[in-house]
C-alpha atoms as a PDB file:
ATOM      1  CA  UNK A   1     -39.290  49.028  -4.273  1.00  0.00           C
ATOM      2  CA  UNK A   2     -37.314  45.899  -3.534  1.00  0.00           C
ATOM      3  CA  UNK A   3     -33.126  45.854  -3.247  1.00  0.00           C
ATOM      4  CA  UNK A   4     -32.215  44.152  -6.575  1.00  0.00           C
ATOM      5  CA  UNK A   5     -28.711  44.722  -8.597  1.00  0.00           C
ATOM      6  CA  UNK A   6     -29.633  45.646 -12.339  1.00  0.00           C
ATOM      7  CA  UNK A   7     -27.474  47.407 -14.924  1.00  0.00           C
ATOM      8  CA  UNK A   8     -29.259  50.499 -15.605  1.00  0.00           C
ATOM      9  CA  UNK A   9     -26.070  52.252 -13.113  1.00  0.00           C
ATOM     10  CA  UNK A  10     -23.890  51.616 -16.217  1.00  0.00           C
ATOM     11  CA  UNK A  11     -26.533  53.463 -19.064  1.00  0.00           C
ATOM     12  CA  UNK A  12     -26.924  56.350 -16.750  1.00  0.00           C
ATOM     13  CA  UNK A  13     -23.263  56.346 -16.145  1.00  0.00           C
ATOM     14  CA  UNK A  14     -22.260  56.621 -19.838  1.00  0.00           C
ATOM     15  CA  UNK A  15     -24.777  59.394 -20.568  1.00  0.00           C
ATOM     16  CA  UNK A  16     -23.964  61.637 -17.286  1.00  0.00           C
ATOM     17  CA  UNK A  17     -20.142  61.110 -16.562  1.00  0.00           C
ATOM     18  CA  UNK A  18     -19.189  60.772 -20.266  1.00  0.00           C
ATOM     19  CA  UNK A  19     -17.042  63.989 -21.867  1.00  0.00           C
ATOM     20  CA  UNK A  20     -17.669  64.688 -25.179  1.00  0.00           C
ATOM     21  CA  UNK A  21     -16.796  62.532 -27.748  1.00  0.00           C
ATOM     22  CA  UNK A  22     -14.208  65.323 -30.310  1.00  0.00           C
ATOM     23  CA  UNK A  23     -12.074  65.621 -26.740  1.00  0.00           C
ATOM     24  CA  UNK A  24      -9.213  63.484 -27.215  1.00  0.00           C
ATOM     25  CA  UNK A  25      -8.207  60.949 -25.677  1.00  0.00           C
ATOM     26  CA  UNK A  26      -5.199  61.856 -23.385  1.00  0.00           C
ATOM     27  CA  UNK A  27      -6.312  59.608 -20.132  1.00  0.00           C
ATOM     28  CA  UNK A  28      -9.254  57.400 -19.666  1.00  0.00           C
ATOM     29  CA  UNK A  29     -10.873  56.771 -15.708  1.00  0.00           C
ATOM     30  CA  UNK A  30     -13.388  54.080 -14.505  1.00  0.00           C
ATOM     31  CA  UNK A  31     -16.261  54.955 -12.169  1.00  0.00           C
ATOM     32  CA  UNK A  32     -19.793  53.799 -10.717  1.00  0.00           C
ATOM     33  CA  UNK A  33     -22.055  56.584  -9.799  1.00  0.00           C
ATOM     34  CA  UNK A  34     -24.117  54.319  -7.390  1.00  0.00           C
ATOM     35  CA  UNK A  35     -20.045  54.080  -5.518  1.00  0.00           C
ATOM     36  CA  UNK A  36     -19.521  57.627  -5.658  1.00  0.00           C
ATOM     37  CA  UNK A  37     -23.540  58.278  -4.370  1.00  0.00           C
ATOM     38  CA  UNK A  38     -23.149  55.914  -1.630  1.00  0.00           C
ATOM     39  CA  UNK A  39     -19.212  56.379  -0.516  1.00  0.00           C
ATOM     40  CA  UNK A  40     -20.741  60.966   0.101  1.00  0.00           C
ATOM     41  CA  UNK A  41     -20.871  62.661   3.122  1.00  0.00           C
ATOM     42  CA  UNK A  42     -24.396  63.533   2.507  1.00  0.00           C
ATOM     43  CA  UNK A  43     -25.706  59.715   1.869  1.00  0.00           C
ATOM     44  CA  UNK A  44     -23.635  58.758   5.297  1.00  0.00           C
ATOM     45  CA  UNK A  45     -25.892  62.153   7.335  1.00  0.00           C
ATOM     46  CA  UNK A  46     -28.858  61.092   5.194  1.00  0.00           C
ATOM     47  CA  UNK A  47     -28.771  57.880   6.176  1.00  0.00           C
ATOM     48  CA  UNK A  48     -28.116  58.551  10.173  1.00  0.00           C
ATOM     49  CA  UNK A  49     -31.132  60.599   9.519  1.00  0.00           C
ATOM     50  CA  UNK A  50     -32.892  58.458   8.507  1.00  0.00           C
ATOM     51  CA  UNK A  51     -32.000  55.959  11.591  1.00  0.00           C
ATOM     52  CA  UNK A  52     -33.236  57.843  14.158  1.00  0.00           C
ATOM     53  CA  UNK A  53     -36.508  59.467  11.990  1.00  0.00           C
ATOM     54  CA  UNK A  54     -37.531  56.257  11.188  1.00  0.00           C
ATOM     55  CA  UNK A  55     -36.776  54.338  14.871  1.00  0.00           C
ATOM     56  CA  UNK A  56     -40.523  53.163  15.046  1.00  0.00           C
ATOM     57  CA  UNK A  57     -40.945  51.659  11.652  1.00  0.00           C
ATOM     58  CA  UNK A  58     -37.112  50.327  12.207  1.00  0.00           C
ATOM     59  CA  UNK A  59     -38.208  48.279  14.773  1.00  0.00           C
ATOM     60  CA  UNK A  60     -41.458  47.019  13.678  1.00  0.00           C
ATOM     61  CA  UNK A  61     -39.627  45.694  10.531  1.00  0.00           C
ATOM     62  CA  UNK A  62     -37.647  43.549  12.759  1.00  0.00           C
ATOM     63  CA  UNK A  63     -40.790  41.892  14.731  1.00  0.00           C
ATOM     64  CA  UNK A  64     -42.459  42.116  10.958  1.00  0.00           C
ATOM     65  CA  UNK A  65     -39.389  40.252   9.488  1.00  0.00           C
ATOM     66  CA  UNK A  66     -39.466  37.708  12.578  1.00  0.00           C
ATOM     67  CA  UNK A  67     -42.670  36.680  12.193  1.00  0.00           C
ATOM     68  CA  UNK A  68     -41.712  35.838   8.387  1.00  0.00           C
ATOM     69  CA  UNK A  69     -38.910  33.934   8.879  1.00  0.00           C
ATOM     70  CA  UNK A  70     -41.007  31.897  11.491  1.00  0.00           C
ATOM     71  CA  UNK A  71     -43.803  31.515   8.487  1.00  0.00           C
ATOM     72  CA  UNK A  72     -41.352  30.040   6.965  1.00  0.00           C
ATOM     73  CA  UNK A  73     -39.923  27.628   8.681  1.00  0.00           C
ATOM     74  CA  UNK A  74     -42.944  25.719   8.818  1.00  0.00           C
ATOM     75  CA  UNK A  75     -42.970  25.491   4.623  1.00  0.00           C
ATOM     76  CA  UNK A  76     -38.836  23.512   5.858  1.00  0.00           C
ATOM     77  CA  UNK A  77     -40.344  19.906   6.318  1.00  0.00           C
ATOM     78  CA  UNK A  78     -37.187  18.481   6.447  1.00  0.00           C
ATOM     79  CA  UNK A  79     -36.136  21.114   8.817  1.00  0.00           C
ATOM     80  CA  UNK A  80     -32.389  21.585   7.175  1.00  0.00           C
ATOM     81  CA  UNK A  81     -32.446  25.823   7.057  1.00  0.00           C
ATOM     82  CA  UNK A  82     -33.666  26.044   3.532  1.00  0.00           C
ATOM     83  CA  UNK A  83     -36.338  25.424   1.784  1.00  0.00           C
ATOM     84  CA  UNK A  84     -35.694  22.982  -1.074  1.00  0.00           C
ATOM     85  CA  UNK A  85     -37.620  23.258  -4.589  1.00  0.00           C
ATOM     86  CA  UNK A  86     -40.960  20.930  -3.104  1.00  0.00           C
ATOM     87  CA  UNK A  87     -40.834  23.535  -0.142  1.00  0.00           C
ATOM     88  CA  UNK A  88     -40.801  26.505  -2.400  1.00  0.00           C
ATOM     89  CA  UNK A  89     -43.235  25.337  -4.494  1.00  0.00           C
ATOM     90  CA  UNK A  90     -46.037  24.582  -1.624  1.00  0.00           C
ATOM     91  CA  UNK A  91     -44.639  27.669  -0.052  1.00  0.00           C
ATOM     92  CA  UNK A  92     -46.712  29.530  -3.283  1.00  0.00           C
ATOM     93  CA  UNK A  93     -49.832  27.292  -2.724  1.00  0.00           C
ATOM     94  CA  UNK A  94     -52.535  30.082  -2.745  1.00  0.00           C
ATOM     95  CA  UNK A  95     -54.505  27.932  -0.605  1.00  0.00           C
ATOM     96  CA  UNK A  96     -52.294  27.052   1.832  1.00  0.00           C
ATOM     97  CA  UNK A  97     -52.988  28.534   5.536  1.00  0.00           C
ATOM     98  CA  UNK A  98     -49.384  28.976   6.299  1.00  0.00           C
ATOM     99  CA  UNK A  99     -49.493  30.700   2.555  1.00  0.00           C
ATOM    100  CA  UNK A 100     -51.726  33.392   3.244  1.00  0.00           C
ATOM    101  CA  UNK A 101     -50.044  34.615   6.666  1.00  0.00           C
ATOM    102  CA  UNK A 102     -46.501  34.611   4.169  1.00  0.00           C
ATOM    103  CA  UNK A 103     -48.504  37.010   1.526  1.00  0.00           C
ATOM    104  CA  UNK A 104     -50.025  39.709   4.722  1.00  0.00           C
ATOM    105  CA  UNK A 105     -46.490  39.878   6.356  1.00  0.00           C
ATOM    106  CA  UNK A 106     -44.596  40.726   3.594  1.00  0.00           C
ATOM    107  CA  UNK A 107     -47.617  43.311   2.132  1.00  0.00           C
ATOM    108  CA  UNK A 108     -47.590  44.514   5.985  1.00  0.00           C
ATOM    109  CA  UNK A 109     -43.185  44.672   5.181  1.00  0.00           C
ATOM    110  CA  UNK A 110     -43.902  46.608   2.248  1.00  0.00           C
ATOM    111  CA  UNK A 111     -46.941  49.181   3.460  1.00  0.00           C
ATOM    112  CA  UNK A 112     -43.752  49.675   6.459  1.00  0.00           C
ATOM    113  CA  UNK A 113     -40.906  50.066   4.194  1.00  0.00           C
ATOM    114  CA  UNK A 114     -42.255  53.155   1.936  1.00  0.00           C
ATOM    115  CA  UNK A 115     -41.691  56.177   3.702  1.00  0.00           C
ATOM    116  CA  UNK A 116     -38.059  54.443   4.164  1.00  0.00           C
ATOM    117  CA  UNK A 117     -37.649  53.475   1.049  1.00  0.00           C
ATOM    118  CA  UNK A 118     -38.876  57.185  -0.365  1.00  0.00           C
ATOM    119  CA  UNK A 119     -36.991  59.533   2.366  1.00  0.00           C
ATOM    120  CA  UNK A 120     -33.765  57.186   0.828  1.00  0.00           C
ATOM    121  CA  UNK A 121     -34.795  57.370  -3.149  1.00  0.00           C
ATOM    122  CA  UNK A 122     -35.593  60.990  -2.470  1.00  0.00           C
ATOM    123  CA  UNK A 123     -31.700  61.642  -0.725  1.00  0.00           C
ATOM    124  CA  UNK A 124     -30.354  58.957  -3.597  1.00  0.00           C
ATOM    125  CA  UNK A 125     -31.906  62.003  -6.340  1.00  0.00           C
ATOM    126  CA  UNK A 126     -30.535  65.637  -4.536  1.00  0.00           C
ATOM    127  CA  UNK A 127     -26.906  63.870  -4.636  1.00  0.00           C
ATOM    128  CA  UNK A 128     -26.999  62.675  -8.145  1.00  0.00           C
ATOM    129  CA  UNK A 129     -28.124  66.142  -9.081  1.00  0.00           C
ATOM    130  CA  UNK A 130     -24.888  67.385  -8.207  1.00  0.00           C
ATOM    131  CA  UNK A 131     -22.932  64.244  -9.745  1.00  0.00           C
ATOM    132  CA  UNK A 132     -22.256  65.930 -13.015  1.00  0.00           C
ATOM    133  CA  UNK A 133     -21.201  69.006 -12.094  1.00  0.00           C
ATOM    134  CA  UNK A 134     -18.450  66.983  -9.496  1.00  0.00           C
ATOM    135  CA  UNK A 135     -17.154  64.474 -12.056  1.00  0.00           C
ATOM    136  CA  UNK A 136     -16.356  67.931 -13.978  1.00  0.00           C
ATOM    137  CA  UNK A 137     -14.894  69.229 -11.565  1.00  0.00           C
ATOM    138  CA  UNK A 138     -12.425  66.282 -11.651  1.00  0.00           C
ATOM    139  CA  UNK A 139     -11.937  65.947 -15.504  1.00  0.00           C
ATOM    140  CA  UNK A 140     -10.909  69.582 -15.519  1.00  0.00           C
ATOM    141  CA  UNK A 141      -8.789  69.462 -12.181  1.00  0.00           C
ATOM    142  CA  UNK A 142      -6.529  66.363 -14.396  1.00  0.00           C
ATOM    143  CA  UNK A 143      -5.992  64.479 -17.218  1.00  0.00           C
ATOM    144  CA  UNK A 144      -8.735  62.633 -17.762  1.00  0.00           C
ATOM    145  CA  UNK A 145     -10.920  62.487 -20.837  1.00  0.00           C
ATOM    146  CA  UNK A 146     -13.218  59.891 -20.824  1.00  0.00           C
ATOM    147  CA  UNK A 147     -15.173  58.076 -17.996  1.00  0.00           C
ATOM    148  CA  UNK A 148     -15.771  54.844 -17.668  1.00  0.00           C
ATOM    149  CA  UNK A 149     -18.015  52.163 -15.703  1.00  0.00           C
ATOM    150  CA  UNK A 150     -16.564  50.635 -13.548  1.00  0.00           C
ATOM    151  CA  UNK A 151     -18.607  47.134 -13.835  1.00  0.00           C
ATOM    152  CA  UNK A 152     -18.378  48.209 -18.036  1.00  0.00           C
ATOM    153  CA  UNK A 153     -14.651  46.971 -18.758  1.00  0.00           C
ATOM    154  CA  UNK A 154     -12.621  43.989 -17.929  1.00  0.00           C
ATOM    155  CA  UNK A 155      -9.425  45.730 -16.208  1.00  0.00           C
ATOM    156  CA  UNK A 156      -8.659  49.202 -15.056  1.00  0.00           C
ATOM    157  CA  UNK A 157      -5.199  49.718 -12.144  1.00  0.00           C
ATOM    158  CA  UNK A 158      -5.910  51.073  -9.410  1.00  0.00           C
ATOM    159  CA  UNK A 159      -5.060  54.904 -10.986  1.00  0.00           C
ATOM    160  CA  UNK A 160      -7.527  54.497 -13.310  1.00  0.00           C
ATOM    161  CA  UNK A 161     -10.339  54.673 -10.601  1.00  0.00           C
ATOM    162  CA  UNK A 162     -11.295  58.124  -9.860  1.00  0.00           C
ATOM    163  CA  UNK A 163     -14.103  56.992  -7.583  1.00  0.00           C
ATOM    164  CA  UNK A 164     -12.287  58.545  -4.671  1.00  0.00           C
ATOM    165  CA  UNK A 165     -11.659  61.778  -5.732  1.00  0.00           C
ATOM    166  CA  UNK A 166     -15.600  62.365  -7.432  1.00  0.00           C
ATOM    167  CA  UNK A 167     -16.757  61.500  -3.815  1.00  0.00           C
ATOM    168  CA  UNK A 168     -14.331  64.793  -2.501  1.00  0.00           C
ATOM    169  CA  UNK A 169     -15.505  66.941  -5.403  1.00  0.00           C
ATOM    170  CA  UNK A 170     -19.340  65.670  -3.919  1.00  0.00           C
ATOM    171  CA  UNK A 171     -18.504  66.400  -0.725  1.00  0.00           C
ATOM    172  CA  UNK A 172     -17.544  69.993  -1.554  1.00  0.00           C
ATOM    173  CA  UNK A 173     -19.931  70.982  -3.697  1.00  0.00           C
ATOM    174  CA  UNK A 174     -23.219  68.810  -0.948  1.00  0.00           C
ATOM    175  CA  UNK A 175     -22.526  68.162   2.361  1.00  0.00           C
ATOM    176  CA  UNK A 176     -25.541  67.094   3.766  1.00  0.00           C
ATOM    177  CA  UNK A 177     -29.057  67.404   1.816  1.00  0.00           C
ATOM    178  CA  UNK A 178     -33.078  66.598   3.010  1.00  0.00           C
ATOM    179  CA  UNK A 179     -34.256  63.193   3.590  1.00  0.00           C
ATOM    180  CA  UNK A 180     -38.295  65.004   3.327  1.00  0.00           C
ATOM    181  CA  UNK A 181     -39.672  64.323  -0.169  1.00  0.00           C
ATOM    182  CA  UNK A 182     -42.002  67.762  -1.202  1.00  0.00           C
ATOM    183  CA  UNK A 183     -45.552  66.617  -0.821  1.00  0.00           C
ATOM    184  CA  UNK A 184     -46.843  64.449  -3.010  1.00  0.00           C
ATOM    185  CA  UNK A 185     -43.331  63.662  -4.579  1.00  0.00           C
ATOM    186  CA  UNK A 186     -42.680  59.578  -6.169  1.00  0.00           C
ATOM    187  CA  UNK A 187     -39.568  59.651  -8.065  1.00  0.00           C
ATOM    188  CA  UNK A 188     -38.893  57.956 -11.622  1.00  0.00           C
ATOM    189  CA  UNK A 189     -37.751  55.052 -12.804  1.00  0.00           C
ATOM    190  CA  UNK A 190     -34.439  56.331 -13.314  1.00  0.00           C
ATOM    191  CA  UNK A 191     -33.675  57.752  -8.845  1.00  0.00           C
ATOM    192  CA  UNK A 192     -35.393  53.913  -8.124  1.00  0.00           C
ATOM    193  CA  UNK A 193     -33.115  52.217 -10.260  1.00  0.00           C
ATOM    194  CA  UNK A 194     -30.279  54.294  -8.915  1.00  0.00           C
ATOM    195  CA  UNK A 195     -31.797  54.067  -4.830  1.00  0.00           C
ATOM    196  CA  UNK A 196     -31.518  50.153  -5.543  1.00  0.00           C
ATOM    197  CA  UNK A 197     -27.613  50.243  -7.173  1.00  0.00           C
ATOM    198  CA  UNK A 198     -26.470  52.608  -4.307  1.00  0.00           C
ATOM    199  CA  UNK A 199     -28.916  49.916  -1.827  1.00  0.00           C
ATOM    200  CA  UNK A 200     -26.430  47.066  -3.467  1.00  0.00           C
ATOM    201  CA  UNK A 201     -23.537  49.152  -2.458  1.00  0.00           C
ATOM    202  CA  UNK A 202     -24.322  49.060   0.552  1.00  0.00           C
ATOM    203  CA  UNK A 203     -25.439  46.238   1.109  1.00  0.00           C
ATOM    204  CA  UNK A 204     -22.130  44.702   0.115  1.00  0.00           C
ATOM    205  CA  UNK A 205     -19.793  46.926   1.533  1.00  0.00           C
ATOM    206  CA  UNK A 206     -21.348  45.831   5.064  1.00  0.00           C
ATOM    207  CA  UNK A 207     -20.999  42.353   4.465  1.00  0.00           C
ATOM    208  CA  UNK A 208     -17.695  42.597   3.921  1.00  0.00           C
ATOM    209  CA  UNK A 209     -17.069  44.272   6.679  1.00  0.00           C
ATOM    210  CA  UNK A 210     -19.165  41.710   8.647  1.00  0.00           C
ATOM    211  CA  UNK A 211     -16.566  38.881   6.348  1.00  0.00           C
ATOM    212  CA  UNK A 212     -13.374  41.128   7.887  1.00  0.00           C
ATOM    213  CA  UNK A 213     -14.399  41.352  11.395  1.00  0.00           C
ATOM    214  CA  UNK A 214     -15.084  37.384  11.404  1.00  0.00           C
ATOM    215  CA  UNK A 215     -11.564  37.081   9.788  1.00  0.00           C
ATOM    216  CA  UNK A 216      -9.376  39.146  12.125  1.00  0.00           C
ATOM    217  CA  UNK A 217     -11.957  37.634  15.748  1.00  0.00           C
ATOM    218  CA  UNK A 218      -9.495  34.500  16.106  1.00  0.00           C
ATOM    219  CA  UNK A 219      -6.350  36.362  15.697  1.00  0.00           C
ATOM    220  CA  UNK A 220      -7.691  38.600  18.232  1.00  0.00           C
ATOM    221  CA  UNK A 221      -8.389  35.987  20.908  1.00  0.00           C
ATOM    222  CA  UNK A 222      -5.297  35.528  23.187  1.00  0.00           C
ATOM    223  CA  UNK A 223      -3.256  32.504  22.703  1.00  0.00           C
ATOM    224  CA  UNK A 224      -2.911  30.314  26.188  1.00  0.00           C
ATOM    225  CA  UNK A 225       0.551  30.220  27.475  1.00  0.00           C
ATOM    226  CA  UNK A 226       2.638  26.900  27.012  1.00  0.00           C
ATOM    227  CA  UNK A 227       1.540  24.741  30.075  1.00  0.00           C
ATOM    228  CA  UNK A 228      -0.993  26.851  31.590  1.00  0.00           C
ATOM    229  CA  UNK A 229      -3.780  24.844  32.372  1.00  0.00           C
ATOM    230  CA  UNK A 230      -6.596  25.123  30.558  1.00  0.00           C
ATOM    231  CA  UNK A 231      -9.907  26.620  33.569  1.00  0.00           C
ATOM    232  CA  UNK A 232     -11.910  24.197  34.973  1.00  0.00           C
ATOM    233  CA  UNK A 233     -15.411  24.849  33.868  1.00  0.00           C
ATOM    234  CA  UNK A 234     -17.944  26.007  36.726  1.00  0.00           C
ATOM    235  CA  UNK A 235     -15.718  27.063  39.400  1.00  0.00           C
END
């Protein structure tokens, strides 16, 4: 279950969040199901629990990722820190011993990651089942009669974004979910797609937070006073 961004969430939103076409449109809102689920208390609690439950797998995945990086560096013949087209082509040669090592490590990563992804997908499905009622609650409380996917409109003002309202309604209905699926449970394609979209939202949010911290770091450093002597290294 690789975390790749697709557009199925927009189609799911149209089917799940839209009100009857016969309703008179007096207010339009925008939202995204993946963003709503990613921002819910239930999912945050689920991932906190997963961090503890799958600590051994997380440690193993970190080790395997380091092995994967070390193997990829063997293909970086010009030592520029990335694989150019020629190096990528060499990495695909199945008779190359390094390719076989890389393939074995990636297969192991997939196996170790599988129960973690399964728990996450189950949590997402449980939350998604309460998404439509939460939307209906927001619709009934406000003047919104049409909700569009936020990634499918050219422009929307901040006031049109009702994501926070849906998250609040969802939190009231479902403060927590289980991360333990029933025996033999497997997610359907729709759940897999939604889980992937939620993962992308979480990754993007983490990247924005990291960038903000990096930008704030230089400003937080104290400035030297005029005329102050610089510290001497080694003392």
